Amino acid sequence: MNNPCEHIKKSLRNIALIPEKDLEIFTESLQYKEYNKNTNILTEGENEQYIYFIHEGIVKSCTFIDKKEIIFNFTFKGDFVSSYVSFITGEPSEISLRTITDCKILRLQKNKLEELYKTHSTEHLSRKICEALYVSKVRRVHDLLKLSATERYIQLLEKEKYFKLIPLKDIARYL
């Protein structure tokens, strides 16, 4: 799907029954941005101002501990990503979001979302996006607690078309 707005609408329709008018209002509020490979979308310590939808590409969520990069999530085409704790609290982010490949992203700025809350019935839509972010994080924590590194590797292999694009050093830091 080449049209980013149609792509996000399709993804949102899959998670909630949303009136077409609300989808239109929502997508008009999005900003389209392209990022080159190995670019920070958000750097640890910055305040998160956006929720991102990946139209194309792969983003890793990472942090550094004792100068060693720790990767705790990969986000792929069709998924949402954000340093959500920073987004809702306004506190500095404890993670960085970094592109692994060239990325085409739609992003929604926090103050634009707050405007939409006041003037349109987008709270349901926003809640569904937040739920998707939450489910992604909980699944990752569950995987870390319950699955061996081998099982997590096999799980990553199931995303075959993306797997080949992730450098081996990043896969090792993720497992």
Protein backbone atom coordinates (compact mmCIF):
# COMPACT_ATOMS: atom_id res chain seq x y z
CA MET A 1 0.00 0.00 0.00
CA ASN A 2 1.70 3.18 -1.22
CA ASN A 3 -0.58 5.82 0.33
CA PRO A 4 0.44 6.27 4.00
CA CYS A 5 -2.94 7.71 5.04
CA GLU A 6 -4.84 4.82 3.49
CA HIS A 7 -2.42 2.41 5.20
CA ILE A 8 -3.06 3.85 8.66
CA LYS A 9 -6.81 3.93 8.02
CA LYS A 10 -6.73 0.24 7.11
CA SER A 11 -4.74 -0.56 10.27
CA LEU A 12 -7.11 1.46 12.44
CA ARG A 13 -10.16 -0.21 10.91
CA ASN A 14 -8.63 -3.53 11.95
CA ILE A 15 -8.54 -2.52 15.62
CA ALA A 16 -11.80 -0.58 15.94
CA LEU A 17 -15.05 0.33 14.24
CA ILE A 18 -14.40 3.98 13.47
CA PRO A 19 -16.65 6.31 11.48
CA GLU A 20 -15.06 7.37 8.19
CA LYS A 21 -15.48 11.05 9.11
CA ASP A 22 -13.38 10.53 12.27
CA LEU A 23 -10.71 8.71 10.29
CA GLU A 24 -10.52 11.61 7.85
CA ILE A 25 -10.22 14.19 10.62
CA PHE A 26 -7.58 12.06 12.32
CA THR A 27 -5.46 11.52 9.19
CA GLU A 28 -5.59 15.23 8.34
CA SER A 29 -3.81 15.84 11.66
CA LEU A 30 -0.90 13.53 10.83
CA GLN A 31 2.50 14.63 9.60
CA TYR A 32 4.38 12.54 7.06
CA LYS A 33 8.12 12.24 7.61
CA GLU A 34 10.91 10.20 6.08
CA TYR A 35 13.93 9.08 8.08
CA ASN A 36 17.15 7.64 6.75
CA LYS A 37 18.57 4.37 8.04
CA ASN A 38 20.31 4.66 11.45
CA THR A 39 18.58 7.91 12.41
CA ASN A 40 17.24 8.68 15.86
CA ILE A 41 13.55 9.51 15.74
CA LEU A 42 13.77 10.19 19.46
CA THR A 43 16.89 10.33 21.60
CA GLU A 44 16.93 9.16 25.21
CA GLY A 45 16.49 12.19 27.47
CA GLU A 46 14.25 14.09 25.06
CA ASN A 47 10.56 14.57 25.76
CA GLU A 48 8.36 12.50 23.46
CA GLN A 49 5.96 14.68 21.50
CA TYR A 50 4.62 12.14 18.99
CA ILE A 51 2.98 8.81 18.41
CA TYR A 52 4.36 7.24 15.23
CA PHE A 53 2.83 4.89 12.67
CA ILE A 54 5.36 3.02 10.54
CA HIS A 55 4.24 3.06 6.92
CA GLU A 56 7.49 1.49 5.72
CA GLY A 57 10.60 0.36 7.56
CA ILE A 58 11.79 -0.94 10.92
CA VAL A 59 12.42 0.97 14.15
CA LYS A 60 14.19 -0.30 17.26
CA SER A 61 13.50 0.81 20.82
CA CYS A 62 16.75 0.86 22.77
CA THR A 63 18.70 2.25 25.66
CA PHE A 64 22.31 2.20 26.79
CA ILE A 65 23.47 0.63 30.03
CA ASP A 66 27.18 0.94 30.85
CA LYS A 67 27.80 2.08 27.23
CA LYS A 68 26.20 -1.14 25.94
CA GLU A 69 23.15 -0.88 23.70
CA ILE A 70 20.14 -2.86 24.89
CA ILE A 71 17.37 -3.39 22.33
CA PHE A 72 14.05 -4.34 23.79
CA ASN A 73 11.75 -4.06 20.81
CA PHE A 74 11.53 -3.92 17.03
CA THR A 75 8.56 -2.20 15.42
CA PHE A 76 7.61 -3.03 11.86
CA LYS A 77 5.51 -1.73 8.99
CA GLY A 78 1.90 -1.23 10.05
CA ASP A 79 2.66 -0.82 13.76
CA PHE A 80 2.60 2.11 16.17
CA VAL A 81 5.61 3.12 18.25
CA SER A 82 6.34 5.82 20.82
CA SER A 83 8.12 6.41 24.06
CA TYR A 84 4.65 6.35 25.49
CA VAL A 85 5.52 6.94 29.14
CA SER A 86 7.32 10.14 28.13
CA PHE A 87 4.43 11.06 25.82
CA ILE A 88 1.81 10.92 28.58
CA THR A 89 3.92 12.17 31.52
CA GLY A 90 5.98 14.84 29.77
CA GLU A 91 9.08 13.42 31.46
CA PRO A 92 12.30 12.79 29.52
CA SER A 93 12.30 9.53 27.57
CA GLU A 94 14.22 6.62 29.01
CA ILE A 95 14.58 5.10 25.53
CA SER A 96 15.69 6.03 22.05
CA LEU A 97 13.76 5.19 18.89
CA ARG A 98 16.16 4.53 16.02
CA THR A 99 15.57 3.48 12.44
CA ILE A 100 17.15 0.26 11.23
CA THR A 101 16.09 0.86 7.64
CA ASP A 102 14.94 3.90 5.71
CA CYS A 103 11.49 4.67 7.15
CA LYS A 104 8.35 6.41 6.02
CA ILE A 105 6.37 7.43 9.06
CA LEU A 106 3.15 9.20 9.95
CA ARG A 107 3.27 10.98 13.27
CA LEU A 108 0.70 12.65 15.47
CA GLN A 109 1.88 15.47 17.71
CA LYS A 110 0.68 15.45 21.30
CA ASN A 111 -0.81 18.95 21.24
CA LYS A 112 -2.65 18.11 17.99
CA LEU A 113 -4.12 15.02 19.65
CA GLU A 114 -5.25 17.14 22.59
CA GLU A 115 -6.94 19.56 20.15
CA LEU A 116 -8.73 16.65 18.52
CA TYR A 117 -10.00 15.51 21.92
CA LYS A 118 -11.64 18.90 22.45
CA THR A 119 -13.31 19.20 19.06
CA HIS A 120 -13.93 15.71 17.72
CA SER A 121 -14.88 12.24 18.87
CA THR A 122 -11.37 10.84 18.54
CA GLU A 123 -10.89 9.62 22.09
CA HIS A 124 -12.04 6.13 21.13
CA LEU A 125 -9.56 6.07 18.26
CA SER A 126 -6.75 7.32 20.48
CA ARG A 127 -7.58 4.76 23.14
CA LYS A 128 -7.30 1.99 20.53
CA ILE A 129 -3.87 3.25 19.45
CA CYS A 130 -2.77 3.39 23.09
CA GLU A 131 -4.07 -0.11 23.65
CA ALA A 132 -2.04 -1.34 20.66
CA LEU A 133 1.11 0.27 22.12
CA TYR A 134 0.38 -1.25 25.52
CA VAL A 135 -0.25 -4.75 24.15
CA SER A 136 3.01 -4.62 22.22
CA LYS A 137 4.96 -3.74 25.38
CA VAL A 138 3.24 -6.36 27.55
CA ARG A 139 3.88 -9.07 24.95
CA ARG A 140 7.56 -8.15 24.85
CA VAL A 141 7.84 -8.30 28.65
CA HIS A 142 6.02 -11.62 28.64
CA ASP A 143 8.40 -12.96 25.98
CA LEU A 144 11.44 -11.85 27.99
CA LEU A 145 10.14 -13.56 31.11
CA LYS A 146 8.75 -16.75 29.59
CA LEU A 147 10.70 -17.50 26.41
CA SER A 148 14.30 -18.55 25.98
CA ALA A 149 16.57 -16.58 23.65
CA THR A 150 16.16 -19.39 21.11
CA GLU A 151 12.36 -19.13 21.25
CA ARG A 152 12.53 -15.33 20.87
CA TYR A 153 14.83 -15.81 17.87
CA ILE A 154 12.37 -18.24 16.27
CA GLN A 155 9.58 -15.74 16.89
CA LEU A 156 11.60 -13.05 15.13
CA LEU A 157 12.26 -15.42 12.21
CA GLU A 158 8.50 -15.56 11.63
CA LYS A 159 8.74 -11.97 10.40
CA GLU A 160 10.90 -13.30 7.57
CA LYS A 161 10.59 -10.39 5.16
CA TYR A 162 11.79 -7.99 7.88
CA PHE A 163 14.25 -10.30 9.58
CA LYS A 164 16.75 -10.07 6.73
CA LEU A 165 16.87 -6.29 7.13
CA ILE A 166 17.92 -6.34 10.80
CA PRO A 167 21.68 -6.40 11.42
CA LEU A 168 22.87 -9.46 13.35
CA LYS A 169 24.37 -7.26 16.08
CA ASP A 170 20.90 -5.79 16.69
CA ILE A 171 19.32 -9.23 16.82
CA ALA A 172 21.91 -10.30 19.40
CA ARG A 173 21.19 -7.19 21.51
CA TYR A 174 17.46 -7.91 21.28
CA LEU A 175 17.64 -11.55 22.37
